[in-house]
C-alpha cells in the first residue's frame, strides 16, 4: 500500500492538522465526505489522502462558500472525472498498441518481390 494510502493518523491528530474539532470529522464521515479506515477496535484511522480530502473540503466550504451538499456533489463529479480521465488514458494506450501492430502487419502487405529473390524451399 502506498504511504499516502496508509491509515496511520488518529482523529485528534487529523483534527489538529486541519484546525477543526474532531466532531467535525465525525460529521463529515456521516455525510459521506470522508471514509477513514477502522481498526479492529473500531477506532478511526486517517491516511495522508484523507487529510488531503479534508483540506479540499475545508477549502470548498471556507473559501468558496459551498455547503456540504455541494461539496459532496463536487467530490462525486471530481471522482467521475478522474475515472473518465484514467479510462481515456488506458484507451489511448490501447489505440497506440493496436496501431503499432497494424503498422507492423501492413509493413509486408502488398510487397512485390522478384521470384529470383525468393528461396526455393525444395532445394
PDB file of N, CA and C in Angstrom:
ATOM      1  N   UNK A   1       0.844  -1.178   0.000  1.00  0.00           N
ATOM      2  CA  UNK A   1       0.000   0.000   0.000  1.00  0.00           C
ATOM      3  C   UNK A   1       0.890   1.242   0.000  1.00  0.00           C
ATOM      4  N   UNK A   2       0.658   2.195  -0.911  1.00  0.00           N
ATOM      5  CA  UNK A   2       1.475   3.415  -0.920  1.00  0.00           C
ATOM      6  C   UNK A   2       1.335   4.172   0.405  1.00  0.00           C
ATOM      7  N   UNK A   3       2.375   4.898   0.778  1.00  0.00           N
ATOM      8  CA  UNK A   3       2.367   5.614   2.056  1.00  0.00           C
ATOM      9  C   UNK A   3       1.192   6.571   2.188  1.00  0.00           C
ATOM     10  N   UNK A   4       0.776   7.209   1.102  1.00  0.00           N
ATOM     11  CA  UNK A   4      -0.330   8.165   1.165  1.00  0.00           C
ATOM     12  C   UNK A   4      -1.657   7.488   1.485  1.00  0.00           C
ATOM     13  N   UNK A   5      -1.723   6.192   1.230  1.00  0.00           N
ATOM     14  CA  UNK A   5      -2.954   5.447   1.454  1.00  0.00           C
ATOM     15  C   UNK A   5      -2.971   4.759   2.823  1.00  0.00           C
ATOM     16  N   UNK A   6      -1.836   4.717   3.469  1.00  0.00           N
ATOM     17  CA  UNK A   6      -1.744   4.009   4.740  1.00  0.00           C
ATOM     18  C   UNK A   6      -2.407   4.830   5.841  1.00  0.00           C
ATOM     19  N   UNK A   7      -3.387   4.245   6.486  1.00  0.00           N
ATOM     20  CA  UNK A   7      -4.144   4.943   7.530  1.00  0.00           C
ATOM     21  C   UNK A   7      -3.389   4.847   8.850  1.00  0.00           C
ATOM     22  N   UNK A   8      -2.821   5.966   9.279  1.00  0.00           N
ATOM     23  CA  UNK A   8      -1.997   5.958  10.490  1.00  0.00           C
ATOM     24  C   UNK A   8      -2.409   7.018  11.507  1.00  0.00           C
ATOM     25  N   UNK A   9      -3.125   8.045  11.079  1.00  0.00           N
ATOM     26  CA  UNK A   9      -3.442   9.158  11.967  1.00  0.00           C
ATOM     27  C   UNK A   9      -4.740   8.908  12.739  1.00  0.00           C
ATOM     28  N   UNK A  10      -4.709   9.204  14.021  1.00  0.00           N
ATOM     29  CA  UNK A  10      -5.928   9.140  14.820  1.00  0.00           C
ATOM     30  C   UNK A  10      -6.708  10.435  14.632  1.00  0.00           C
ATOM     31  N   UNK A  11      -7.961  10.425  15.027  1.00  0.00           N
ATOM     32  CA  UNK A  11      -8.858  11.547  14.758  1.00  0.00           C
ATOM     33  C   UNK A  11      -8.357  12.865  15.366  1.00  0.00           C
ATOM     34  N   UNK A  12      -7.776  12.805  16.546  1.00  0.00           N
ATOM     35  CA  UNK A  12      -7.322  14.047  17.192  1.00  0.00           C
ATOM     36  C   UNK A  12      -6.176  14.691  16.411  1.00  0.00           C
ATOM     37  N   UNK A  13      -5.291  13.878  15.861  1.00  0.00           N
ATOM     38  CA  UNK A  13      -4.159  14.401  15.089  1.00  0.00           C
ATOM     39  C   UNK A  13      -4.672  15.053  13.802  1.00  0.00           C
ATOM     40  N   UNK A  14      -5.593  14.393  13.115  1.00  0.00           N
ATOM     41  CA  UNK A  14      -6.139  14.941  11.871  1.00  0.00           C
ATOM     42  C   UNK A  14      -6.905  16.222  12.154  1.00  0.00           C
ATOM     43  N   UNK A  15      -7.657  16.245  13.240  1.00  0.00           N
ATOM     44  CA  UNK A  15      -8.391  17.459  13.613  1.00  0.00           C
ATOM     45  C   UNK A  15      -7.417  18.608  13.859  1.00  0.00           C
ATOM     46  N   UNK A  16      -6.311  18.338  14.536  1.00  0.00           N
ATOM     47  CA  UNK A  16      -5.292  19.369  14.774  1.00  0.00           C
ATOM     48  C   UNK A  16      -4.655  19.827  13.458  1.00  0.00           C
ATOM     49  N   UNK A  17      -4.341  18.874  12.573  1.00  0.00           N
ATOM     50  CA  UNK A  17      -3.726  19.226  11.287  1.00  0.00           C
ATOM     51  C   UNK A  17      -4.626  20.146  10.465  1.00  0.00           C
ATOM     52  N   UNK A  18      -5.927  19.899  10.535  1.00  0.00           N
ATOM     53  CA  UNK A  18      -6.871  20.670   9.726  1.00  0.00           C
ATOM     54  C   UNK A  18      -7.445  21.872  10.469  1.00  0.00           C
ATOM     55  N   UNK A  19      -7.202  21.946  11.755  1.00  0.00           N
ATOM     56  CA  UNK A  19      -7.747  23.057  12.527  1.00  0.00           C
ATOM     57  C   UNK A  19      -9.252  22.968  12.717  1.00  0.00           C
ATOM     58  N   UNK A  20      -9.756  21.747  12.872  1.00  0.00           N
ATOM     59  CA  UNK A  20     -11.185  21.547  13.102  1.00  0.00           C
ATOM     60  C   UNK A  20     -11.368  20.711  14.360  1.00  0.00           C
ATOM     61  N   UNK A  21     -12.587  20.679  14.851  1.00  0.00           N
ATOM     62  CA  UNK A  21     -12.926  19.856  16.002  1.00  0.00           C
ATOM     63  C   UNK A  21     -13.117  18.413  15.532  1.00  0.00           C
ATOM     64  N   UNK A  22     -12.748  17.435  16.341  1.00  0.00           N
ATOM     65  CA  UNK A  22     -12.970  16.040  15.951  1.00  0.00           C
ATOM     66  C   UNK A  22     -14.433  15.744  15.589  1.00  0.00           C
ATOM     67  N   UNK A  23     -15.347  16.453  16.218  1.00  0.00           N
ATOM     68  CA  UNK A  23     -16.766  16.246  15.902  1.00  0.00           C
ATOM     69  C   UNK A  23     -17.063  16.625  14.443  1.00  0.00           C
ATOM     70  N   UNK A  24     -16.342  17.608  13.920  1.00  0.00           N
ATOM     71  CA  UNK A  24     -16.494  17.992  12.505  1.00  0.00           C
ATOM     72  C   UNK A  24     -16.112  16.823  11.604  1.00  0.00           C
ATOM     73  N   UNK A  25     -15.044  16.134  11.961  1.00  0.00           N
ATOM     74  CA  UNK A  25     -14.628  14.967  11.181  1.00  0.00           C
ATOM     75  C   UNK A  25     -15.681  13.872  11.239  1.00  0.00           C
ATOM     76  N   UNK A  26     -16.262  13.667  12.390  1.00  0.00           N
ATOM     77  CA  UNK A  26     -17.324  12.659  12.514  1.00  0.00           C
ATOM     78  C   UNK A  26     -18.526  13.035  11.653  1.00  0.00           C
ATOM     79  N   UNK A  27     -18.861  14.337  11.633  1.00  0.00           N
ATOM     80  CA  UNK A  27     -19.983  14.794  10.814  1.00  0.00           C
ATOM     81  C   UNK A  27     -19.672  14.598   9.326  1.00  0.00           C
ATOM     82  N   UNK A  28     -18.444  14.938   8.906  1.00  0.00           N
ATOM     83  CA  UNK A  28     -18.056  14.734   7.508  1.00  0.00           C
ATOM     84  C   UNK A  28     -18.166  13.254   7.130  1.00  0.00           C
ATOM     85  N   UNK A  29     -17.806  12.389   8.072  1.00  0.00           N
ATOM     86  CA  UNK A  29     -17.913  10.957   7.815  1.00  0.00           C
ATOM     87  C   UNK A  29     -19.391  10.554   7.670  1.00  0.00           C
ATOM     88  N   UNK A  30     -20.248  11.037   8.550  1.00  0.00           N
ATOM     89  CA  UNK A  30     -21.691  10.733   8.459  1.00  0.00           C
ATOM     90  C   UNK A  30     -22.281  11.219   7.143  1.00  0.00           C
ATOM     91  N   UNK A  31     -21.777  12.352   6.652  1.00  0.00           N
ATOM     92  CA  UNK A  31     -22.280  12.919   5.399  1.00  0.00           C
ATOM     93  C   UNK A  31     -21.643  12.268   4.168  1.00  0.00           C
ATOM     94  N   UNK A  32     -20.711  11.353   4.387  1.00  0.00           N
ATOM     95  CA  UNK A  32     -20.082  10.641   3.277  1.00  0.00           C
ATOM     96  C   UNK A  32     -18.951  11.389   2.603  1.00  0.00           C
ATOM     97  N   UNK A  33     -18.418  12.406   3.267  1.00  0.00           N
ATOM     98  CA  UNK A  33     -17.338  13.192   2.678  1.00  0.00           C
ATOM     99  C   UNK A  33     -15.956  12.614   2.980  1.00  0.00           C
ATOM    100  N   UNK A  34     -15.849  11.911   4.075  1.00  0.00           N
ATOM    101  CA  UNK A  34     -14.608  11.236   4.460  1.00  0.00           C
ATOM    102  C   UNK A  34     -14.941   9.797   4.817  1.00  0.00           C
ATOM    103  N   UNK A  35     -14.013   8.896   4.513  1.00  0.00           N
ATOM    104  CA  UNK A  35     -14.212   7.484   4.847  1.00  0.00           C
ATOM    105  C   UNK A  35     -12.937   6.925   5.453  1.00  0.00           C
ATOM    106  N   UNK A  36     -12.679   7.234   6.731  1.00  0.00           N
ATOM    107  CA  UNK A  36     -11.464   6.701   7.349  1.00  0.00           C
ATOM    108  C   UNK A  36     -11.569   5.187   7.522  1.00  0.00           C
ATOM    109  N   UNK A  37     -10.405   4.566   7.568  1.00  0.00           N
ATOM    110  CA  UNK A  37     -10.395   3.137   7.859  1.00  0.00           C
ATOM    111  C   UNK A  37     -10.691   2.938   9.335  1.00  0.00           C
ATOM    112  N   UNK A  38     -11.020   1.717   9.676  1.00  0.00           N
ATOM    113  CA  UNK A  38     -11.297   1.381  11.075  1.00  0.00           C
ATOM    114  C   UNK A  38     -10.347   0.283  11.531  1.00  0.00           C
ATOM    115  N   UNK A  39      -9.920   0.386  12.790  1.00  0.00           N
ATOM    116  CA  UNK A  39      -9.085  -0.658  13.381  1.00  0.00           C
ATOM    117  C   UNK A  39      -9.993  -1.794  13.840  1.00  0.00           C
ATOM    118  N   UNK A  40      -9.385  -2.850  14.323  1.00  0.00           N
ATOM    119  CA  UNK A  40     -10.161  -3.976  14.855  1.00  0.00           C
ATOM    120  C   UNK A  40     -11.027  -3.519  16.017  1.00  0.00           C
ATOM    121  N   UNK A  41     -10.568  -2.517  16.753  1.00  0.00           N
ATOM    122  CA  UNK A  41     -11.338  -1.974  17.868  1.00  0.00           C
ATOM    123  C   UNK A  41     -12.303  -0.877  17.452  1.00  0.00           C
ATOM    124  N   UNK A  42     -12.487  -0.666  16.156  1.00  0.00           N
ATOM    125  CA  UNK A  42     -13.415   0.298  15.562  1.00  0.00           C
ATOM    126  C   UNK A  42     -12.975   1.754  15.709  1.00  0.00           C
ATOM    127  N   UNK A  43     -11.686   1.991  15.972  1.00  0.00           N
ATOM    128  CA  UNK A  43     -11.176   3.363  16.026  1.00  0.00           C
ATOM    129  C   UNK A  43     -10.903   3.840  14.602  1.00  0.00           C
ATOM    130  N   UNK A  44     -11.119   5.125  14.379  1.00  0.00           N
ATOM    131  CA  UNK A  44     -10.850   5.703  13.061  1.00  0.00           C
ATOM    132  C   UNK A  44      -9.350   5.883  12.863  1.00  0.00           C
ATOM    133  N   UNK A  45      -8.909   5.603  11.630  1.00  0.00           N
ATOM    134  CA  UNK A  45      -7.531   5.872  11.247  1.00  0.00           C
ATOM    135  C   UNK A  45      -7.561   6.552   9.886  1.00  0.00           C
ATOM    136  N   UNK A  46      -6.874   7.683   9.807  1.00  0.00           N
ATOM    137  CA  UNK A  46      -6.873   8.503   8.603  1.00  0.00           C
ATOM    138  C   UNK A  46      -5.534   8.392   7.887  1.00  0.00           C
ATOM    139  N   UNK A  47      -5.590   8.449   6.571  1.00  0.00           N
ATOM    140  CA  UNK A  47      -4.388   8.415   5.741  1.00  0.00           C
ATOM    141  C   UNK A  47      -4.040   9.842   5.307  1.00  0.00           C
ATOM    142  N   UNK A  48      -2.895   9.969   4.674  1.00  0.00           N
ATOM    143  CA  UNK A  48      -2.491  11.265   4.112  1.00  0.00           C
ATOM    144  C   UNK A  48      -3.500  11.705   3.048  1.00  0.00           C
ATOM    145  N   UNK A  49      -4.027  10.741   2.301  1.00  0.00           N
ATOM    146  CA  UNK A  49      -5.045  11.052   1.294  1.00  0.00           C
ATOM    147  C   UNK A  49      -6.309  11.599   1.963  1.00  0.00           C
ATOM    148  N   UNK A  50      -6.673  11.038   3.115  1.00  0.00           N
ATOM    149  CA  UNK A  50      -7.824  11.545   3.863  1.00  0.00           C
ATOM    150  C   UNK A  50      -7.586  12.987   4.323  1.00  0.00           C
ATOM    151  N   UNK A  51      -6.366  13.261   4.749  1.00  0.00           N
ATOM    152  CA  UNK A  51      -6.018  14.625   5.185  1.00  0.00           C
ATOM    153  C   UNK A  51      -6.134  15.583   3.999  1.00  0.00           C
ATOM    154  N   UNK A  52      -5.653  15.164   2.830  1.00  0.00           N
ATOM    155  CA  UNK A  52      -5.781  15.995   1.628  1.00  0.00           C
ATOM    156  C   UNK A  52      -7.251  16.242   1.296  1.00  0.00           C
ATOM    157  N   UNK A  53      -8.067  15.189   1.412  1.00  0.00           N
ATOM    158  CA  UNK A  53      -9.506  15.316   1.143  1.00  0.00           C
ATOM    159  C   UNK A  53     -10.140  16.296   2.132  1.00  0.00           C
ATOM    160  N   UNK A  54      -9.739  16.215   3.388  1.00  0.00           N
ATOM    161  CA  UNK A  54     -10.256  17.131   4.400  1.00  0.00           C
ATOM    162  C   UNK A  54      -9.879  18.573   4.069  1.00  0.00           C
ATOM    163  N   UNK A  55      -8.650  18.785   3.647  1.00  0.00           N
ATOM    164  CA  UNK A  55      -8.219  20.140   3.273  1.00  0.00           C
ATOM    165  C   UNK A  55      -9.018  20.654   2.071  1.00  0.00           C
ATOM    166  N   UNK A  56      -9.313  19.760   1.144  1.00  0.00           N
ATOM    167  CA  UNK A  56     -10.124  20.123  -0.023  1.00  0.00           C
ATOM    168  C   UNK A  56     -11.536  20.524   0.420  1.00  0.00           C
ATOM    169  N   UNK A  57     -12.102  19.763   1.323  1.00  0.00           N
ATOM    170  CA  UNK A  57     -13.439  20.080   1.861  1.00  0.00           C
ATOM    171  C   UNK A  57     -13.403  21.433   2.562  1.00  0.00           C
ATOM    172  N   UNK A  58     -12.375  21.645   3.371  1.00  0.00           N
ATOM    173  CA  UNK A  58     -12.246  22.918   4.088  1.00  0.00           C
ATOM    174  C   UNK A  58     -12.127  24.086   3.110  1.00  0.00           C
ATOM    175  N   UNK A  59     -11.357  23.907   2.047  1.00  0.00           N
ATOM    176  CA  UNK A  59     -11.197  24.965   1.054  1.00  0.00           C
ATOM    177  C   UNK A  59     -12.534  25.273   0.381  1.00  0.00           C
ATOM    178  N   UNK A  60     -13.267  24.245   0.009  1.00  0.00           N
ATOM    179  CA  UNK A  60     -14.555  24.459  -0.665  1.00  0.00           C
ATOM    180  C   UNK A  60     -15.562  25.133   0.249  1.00  0.00           C
ATOM    181  N   UNK A  61     -15.583  24.741   1.513  1.00  0.00           N
ATOM    182  CA  UNK A  61     -16.576  25.324   2.424  1.00  0.00           C
ATOM    183  C   UNK A  61     -16.166  26.712   2.915  1.00  0.00           C
ATOM    184  N   UNK A  62     -14.904  26.865   3.286  1.00  0.00           N
ATOM    185  CA  UNK A  62     -14.477  28.123   3.897  1.00  0.00           C
ATOM    186  C   UNK A  62     -14.121  29.207   2.892  1.00  0.00           C
ATOM    187  N   UNK A  63     -13.470  28.835   1.791  1.00  0.00           N
ATOM    188  CA  UNK A  63     -13.019  29.849   0.838  1.00  0.00           C
ATOM    189  C   UNK A  63     -13.966  30.033  -0.336  1.00  0.00           C
ATOM    190  N   UNK A  64     -14.651  28.980  -0.697  1.00  0.00           N
ATOM    191  CA  UNK A  64     -15.572  29.063  -1.836  1.00  0.00           C
ATOM    192  C   UNK A  64     -17.023  29.246  -1.402  1.00  0.00           C
ATOM    193  N   UNK A  65     -17.291  29.061  -0.112  1.00  0.00           N
ATOM    194  CA  UNK A  65     -18.643  29.262   0.406  1.00  0.00           C
ATOM    195  C   UNK A  65     -19.647  28.193  -0.017  1.00  0.00           C
ATOM    196  N   UNK A  66     -19.174  27.003  -0.301  1.00  0.00           N
ATOM    197  CA  UNK A  66     -20.050  25.925  -0.768  1.00  0.00           C
ATOM    198  C   UNK A  66     -20.522  25.122   0.440  1.00  0.00           C
ATOM    199  N   UNK A  67     -21.822  24.785   0.454  1.00  0.00           N
ATOM    200  CA  UNK A  67     -22.332  23.985   1.569  1.00  0.00           C
ATOM    201  C   UNK A  67     -21.940  22.526   1.397  1.00  0.00           C
ATOM    202  N   UNK A  68     -22.167  21.725   2.433  1.00  0.00           N
ATOM    203  CA  UNK A  68     -21.705  20.343   2.421  1.00  0.00           C
ATOM    204  C   UNK A  68     -22.373  19.498   1.341  1.00  0.00           C
ATOM    205  N   UNK A  69     -23.616  19.805   1.031  1.00  0.00           N
ATOM    206  CA  UNK A  69     -24.291  19.087  -0.054  1.00  0.00           C
ATOM    207  C   UNK A  69     -23.592  19.372  -1.384  1.00  0.00           C
ATOM    208  N   UNK A  70     -23.230  20.619  -1.590  1.00  0.00           N
ATOM    209  CA  UNK A  70     -22.499  20.998  -2.797  1.00  0.00           C
ATOM    210  C   UNK A  70     -21.120  20.369  -2.834  1.00  0.00           C
ATOM    211  N   UNK A  71     -20.462  20.317  -1.692  1.00  0.00           N
ATOM    212  CA  UNK A  71     -19.141  19.691  -1.607  1.00  0.00           C
ATOM    213  C   UNK A  71     -19.232  18.216  -1.980  1.00  0.00           C
ATOM    214  N   UNK A  72     -20.257  17.542  -1.457  1.00  0.00           N
ATOM    215  CA  UNK A  72     -20.441  16.122  -1.778  1.00  0.00           C
ATOM    216  C   UNK A  72     -20.613  15.929  -3.284  1.00  0.00           C
ATOM    217  N   UNK A  73     -21.400  16.804  -3.904  1.00  0.00           N
ATOM    218  CA  UNK A  73     -21.633  16.723  -5.355  1.00  0.00           C
ATOM    219  C   UNK A  73     -20.343  17.010  -6.138  1.00  0.00           C
ATOM    220  N   UNK A  74     -19.596  18.019  -5.718  1.00  0.00           N
ATOM    221  CA  UNK A  74     -18.330  18.360  -6.378  1.00  0.00           C
ATOM    222  C   UNK A  74     -17.362  17.191  -6.296  1.00  0.00           C
ATOM    223  N   UNK A  75     -17.244  16.598  -5.120  1.00  0.00           N
ATOM    224  CA  UNK A  75     -16.323  15.474  -4.946  1.00  0.00           C
ATOM    225  C   UNK A  75     -16.749  14.291  -5.812  1.00  0.00           C
ATOM    226  N   UNK A  76     -18.048  14.027  -5.877  1.00  0.00           N
ATOM    227  CA  UNK A  76     -18.542  12.931  -6.728  1.00  0.00           C
ATOM    228  C   UNK A  76     -18.202  13.202  -8.192  1.00  0.00           C
ATOM    229  N   UNK A  77     -18.383  14.438  -8.634  1.00  0.00           N
ATOM    230  CA  UNK A  77     -18.064  14.786 -10.022  1.00  0.00           C
ATOM    231  C   UNK A  77     -16.560  14.720 -10.285  1.00  0.00           C
ATOM    232  N   UNK A  78     -15.762  15.148  -9.317  1.00  0.00           N
ATOM    233  CA  UNK A  78     -14.304  15.052  -9.468  1.00  0.00           C
ATOM    234  C   UNK A  78     -13.867  13.590  -9.580  1.00  0.00           C
ATOM    235  N   UNK A  79     -14.493  12.727  -8.789  1.00  0.00           N
ATOM    236  CA  UNK A  79     -14.166  11.301  -8.851  1.00  0.00           C
ATOM    237  C   UNK A  79     -14.561  10.704 -10.197  1.00  0.00           C
ATOM    238  N   UNK A  80     -15.724  11.110 -10.729  1.00  0.00           N
ATOM    239  CA  UNK A  80     -16.148  10.641 -12.045  1.00  0.00           C
ATOM    240  C   UNK A  80     -15.196  11.135 -13.126  1.00  0.00           C
ATOM    241  N   UNK A  81     -14.775  12.380 -13.029  1.00  0.00           N
ATOM    242  CA  UNK A  81     -13.838  12.938 -13.993  1.00  0.00           C
ATOM    243  C   UNK A  81     -12.507  12.195 -13.950  1.00  0.00           C
ATOM    244  N   UNK A  82     -12.020  11.926 -12.752  1.00  0.00           N
ATOM    245  CA  UNK A  82     -10.763  11.189 -12.607  1.00  0.00           C
ATOM    246  C   UNK A  82     -10.879   9.796 -13.218  1.00  0.00           C
ATOM    247  N   UNK A  83     -11.998   9.126 -12.978  1.00  0.00           N
ATOM    248  CA  UNK A  83     -12.213   7.792 -13.552  1.00  0.00           C
ATOM    249  C   UNK A  83     -12.269   7.869 -15.079  1.00  0.00           C
ATOM    250  N   UNK A  84     -12.936   8.885 -15.605  1.00  0.00           N
ATOM    251  CA  UNK A  84     -13.029   9.049 -17.065  1.00  0.00           C
ATOM    252  C   UNK A  84     -11.659   9.347 -17.668  1.00  0.00           C
ATOM    253  N   UNK A  85     -10.870  10.194 -17.006  1.00  0.00           N
ATOM    254  CA  UNK A  85      -9.525  10.508 -17.494  1.00  0.00           C
ATOM    255  C   UNK A  85      -8.631   9.275 -17.463  1.00  0.00           C
ATOM    256  N   UNK A  86      -8.767   8.472 -16.422  1.00  0.00           N
ATOM    257  CA  UNK A  86      -7.987   7.240 -16.313  1.00  0.00           C
ATOM    258  C   UNK A  86      -8.364   6.275 -17.433  1.00  0.00           C
ATOM    259  N   UNK A  87      -9.661   6.124 -17.678  1.00  0.00           N
ATOM    260  CA  UNK A  87     -10.127   5.246 -18.753  1.00  0.00           C
ATOM    261  C   UNK A  87      -9.683   5.767 -20.117  1.00  0.00           C
ATOM    262  N   UNK A  88      -9.744   7.070 -20.317  1.00  0.00           N
ATOM    263  CA  UNK A  88      -9.300   7.659 -21.579  1.00  0.00           C
ATOM    264  C   UNK A  88      -7.817   7.387 -21.812  1.00  0.00           C
ATOM    265  N   UNK A  89      -7.003   7.542 -20.780  1.00  0.00           N
ATOM    266  CA  UNK A  89      -5.565   7.268 -20.902  1.00  0.00           C
ATOM    267  C   UNK A  89      -5.340   5.793 -21.241  1.00  0.00           C
ATOM    268  N   UNK A  90      -6.097   4.896 -20.607  1.00  0.00           N
ATOM    269  CA  UNK A  90      -5.969   3.466 -20.900  1.00  0.00           C
ATOM    270  C   UNK A  90      -6.342   3.180 -22.349  1.00  0.00           C
ATOM    271  N   UNK A  91      -7.430   3.784 -22.817  1.00  0.00           N
ATOM    272  CA  UNK A  91      -7.868   3.568 -24.195  1.00  0.00           C
ATOM    273  C   UNK A  91      -6.878   4.149 -25.200  1.00  0.00           C
ATOM    274  N   UNK A  92      -6.290   5.286 -24.868  1.00  0.00           N
ATOM    275  CA  UNK A  92      -5.279   5.866 -25.758  1.00  0.00           C
ATOM    276  C   UNK A  92      -4.075   4.947 -25.891  1.00  0.00           C
ATOM    277  N   UNK A  93      -3.641   4.360 -24.760  1.00  0.00           N
ATOM    278  CA  UNK A  93      -2.525   3.413 -24.810  1.00  0.00           C
ATOM    279  C   UNK A  93      -2.898   2.202 -25.661  1.00  0.00           C
ATOM    280  N   UNK A  94      -4.115   1.757 -25.535  1.00  0.00           N
ATOM    281  CA  UNK A  94      -4.597   0.607 -26.323  1.00  0.00           C
ATOM    282  C   UNK A  94      -4.595   0.932 -27.818  1.00  0.00           C
ATOM    283  N   UNK A  95      -5.062   2.131 -28.173  1.00  0.00           N
ATOM    284  CA  UNK A  95      -5.081   2.548 -29.576  1.00  0.00           C
ATOM    285  C   UNK A  95      -3.663   2.580 -30.135  1.00  0.00           C
ATOM    286  N   UNK A  96      -2.731   3.126 -29.379  1.00  0.00           N
ATOM    287  CA  UNK A  96      -1.338   3.184 -29.823  1.00  0.00           C
ATOM    288  C   UNK A  96      -0.799   1.776 -30.052  1.00  0.00           C
ATOM    289  N   UNK A  97      -1.099   0.854 -29.144  1.00  0.00           N
ATOM    290  CA  UNK A  97      -0.621  -0.522 -29.286  1.00  0.00           C
ATOM    291  C   UNK A  97      -1.235  -1.191 -30.508  1.00  0.00           C
ATOM    292  N   UNK A  98      -2.528  -0.994 -30.726  1.00  0.00           N
ATOM    293  CA  UNK A  98      -3.196  -1.594 -31.884  1.00  0.00           C
ATOM    294  C   UNK A  98      -2.655  -0.997 -33.171  1.00  0.00           C
ATOM    295  N   UNK A  99      -2.470   0.317 -33.203  1.00  0.00           N
ATOM    296  CA  UNK A  99      -1.919   0.960 -34.398  1.00  0.00           C
ATOM    297  C   UNK A  99      -0.521   0.431 -34.710  1.00  0.00           C
ATOM    298  N   UNK A 100       0.279   0.198 -33.680  1.00  0.00           N
ATOM    299  CA  UNK A 100       1.635  -0.324 -33.901  1.00  0.00           C
ATOM    300  C   UNK A 100       1.570  -1.737 -34.482  1.00  0.00           C
ATOM    301  N   UNK A 101       0.646  -2.557 -33.955  1.00  0.00           N
ATOM    302  CA  UNK A 101       0.501  -3.907 -34.510  1.00  0.00           C
ATOM    303  C   UNK A 101       0.020  -3.872 -35.948  1.00  0.00           C
ATOM    304  N   UNK A 102      -0.926  -2.994 -36.236  1.00  0.00           N
ATOM    305  CA  UNK A 102      -1.422  -2.880 -37.610  1.00  0.00           C
ATOM    306  C   UNK A 102      -0.334  -2.393 -38.556  1.00  0.00           C
ATOM    307  N   UNK A 103       0.454  -1.444 -38.094  1.00  0.00           N
ATOM    308  CA  UNK A 103       1.540  -0.921 -38.924  1.00  0.00           C
ATOM    309  C   UNK A 103       2.551  -2.019 -39.215  1.00  0.00           C
ATOM    310  N   UNK A 104       2.872  -2.808 -38.203  1.00  0.00           N
ATOM    311  CA  UNK A 104       3.819  -3.917 -38.389  1.00  0.00           C
ATOM    312  C   UNK A 104       3.235  -4.951 -39.343  1.00  0.00           C
ATOM    313  N   UNK A 105       1.948  -5.268 -39.197  1.00  0.00           N
ATOM    314  CA  UNK A 105       1.315  -6.241 -40.077  1.00  0.00           C
ATOM    315  C   UNK A 105       1.271  -5.732 -41.513  1.00  0.00           C
ATOM    316  N   UNK A 106       0.936  -4.457 -41.665  1.00  0.00           N
ATOM    317  CA  UNK A 106       0.799  -3.880 -43.002  1.00  0.00           C
ATOM    318  C   UNK A 106       2.135  -3.597 -43.677  1.00  0.00           C
ATOM    319  N   UNK A 107       3.198  -3.673 -42.921  1.00  0.00           N
ATOM    320  CA  UNK A 107       4.515  -3.397 -43.478  1.00  0.00           C
ATOM    321  C   UNK A 107       4.835  -4.367 -44.618  1.00  0.00           C
ATOM    322  N   UNK A 108       4.362  -5.592 -44.511  1.00  0.00           N
ATOM    323  CA  UNK A 108       4.662  -6.594 -45.532  1.00  0.00           C
ATOM    324  C   UNK A 108       3.513  -6.809 -46.508  1.00  0.00           C
ATOM    325  N   UNK A 109       2.404  -6.172 -46.297  1.00  0.00           N
ATOM    326  CA  UNK A 109       1.250  -6.333 -47.188  1.00  0.00           C
ATOM    327  C   UNK A 109       1.527  -5.631 -48.520  1.00  0.00           C
ATOM    328  N   UNK A 110       1.268  -6.319 -49.578  1.00  0.00           N
ATOM    329  CA  UNK A 110       1.395  -5.724 -50.903  1.00  0.00           C
ATOM    330  C   UNK A 110       2.814  -5.542 -51.371  1.00  0.00           C
ATOM    331  N   UNK A 111       3.762  -6.197 -50.706  1.00  0.00           N
ATOM    332  CA  UNK A 111       5.154  -6.067 -51.116  1.00  0.00           C
ATOM    333  C   UNK A 111       5.401  -6.986 -52.303  1.00  0.00           C
ATOM    334  N   UNK A 112       5.944  -6.425 -53.350  1.00  0.00           N
ATOM    335  CA  UNK A 112       6.285  -7.210 -54.537  1.00  0.00           C
ATOM    336  C   UNK A 112       7.741  -7.618 -54.447  1.00  0.00           C
ATOM    337  N   UNK A 113       7.984  -8.884 -54.731  1.00  0.00           N
ATOM    338  CA  UNK A 113       9.358  -9.360 -54.748  1.00  0.00           C
ATOM    339  C   UNK A 113       9.595 -10.096 -56.060  1.00  0.00           C
ATOM    340  N   UNK A 114      10.832 -10.087 -56.465  1.00  0.00           N
ATOM    341  CA  UNK A 114      11.173 -10.846 -57.666  1.00  0.00           C
ATOM    342  C   UNK A 114      11.218 -12.322 -57.312  1.00  0.00           C
ATOM    343  N   UNK A 115      10.794 -13.147 -58.221  1.00  0.00           N
ATOM    344  CA  UNK A 115      10.783 -14.571 -57.995  1.00  0.00           C
ATOM    345  C   UNK A 115      12.193 -15.086 -57.677  1.00  0.00           C
ATOM    346  N   UNK A 116      13.197 -14.486 -58.291  1.00  0.00           N
ATOM    347  CA  UNK A 116      14.576 -14.927 -58.046  1.00  0.00           C
ATOM    348  C   UNK A 116      15.034 -14.598 -56.607  1.00  0.00           C
ATOM    349  N   UNK A 117      14.351 -13.650 -55.945  1.00  0.00           N
ATOM    350  CA  UNK A 117      14.728 -13.293 -54.575  1.00  0.00           C
ATOM    351  C   UNK A 117      14.113 -14.237 -53.545  1.00  0.00           C
ATOM    352  N   UNK A 118      13.163 -15.042 -53.963  1.00  0.00           N
ATOM    353  CA  UNK A 118      12.503 -15.946 -53.025  1.00  0.00           C
ATOM    354  C   UNK A 118      13.253 -17.270 -53.043  1.00  0.00           C
ATOM    355  N   UNK A 119      13.623 -17.742 -51.882  1.00  0.00           N
ATOM    356  CA  UNK A 119      14.344 -19.005 -51.788  1.00  0.00           C
ATOM    357  C   UNK A 119      13.408 -20.152 -52.119  1.00  0.00           C
ATOM    358  N   UNK A 120      13.921 -21.130 -52.839  1.00  0.00           N
ATOM    359  CA  UNK A 120      13.158 -22.308 -53.184  1.00  0.00           C
ATOM    360  C   UNK A 120      13.198 -23.265 -52.001  1.00  0.00           C
ATOM    361  N   UNK A 121      12.054 -23.557 -51.389  1.00  0.00           N
ATOM    362  CA  UNK A 121      12.068 -24.411 -50.204  1.00  0.00           C
ATOM    363  C   UNK A 121      12.402 -25.870 -50.535  1.00  0.00           C
ATOM    364  N   UNK A 122      12.379 -26.254 -51.788  1.00  0.00           N
ATOM    365  CA  UNK A 122      12.613 -27.660 -52.148  1.00  0.00           C
ATOM    366  C   UNK A 122      14.049 -27.916 -52.570  1.00  0.00           C
ATOM    367  N   UNK A 123      14.876 -26.911 -52.526  1.00  0.00           N
ATOM    368  CA  UNK A 123      16.272 -27.144 -52.926  1.00  0.00           C
ATOM    369  C   UNK A 123      17.201 -27.160 -51.749  1.00  0.00           C
TER     370      UNK A 123
END
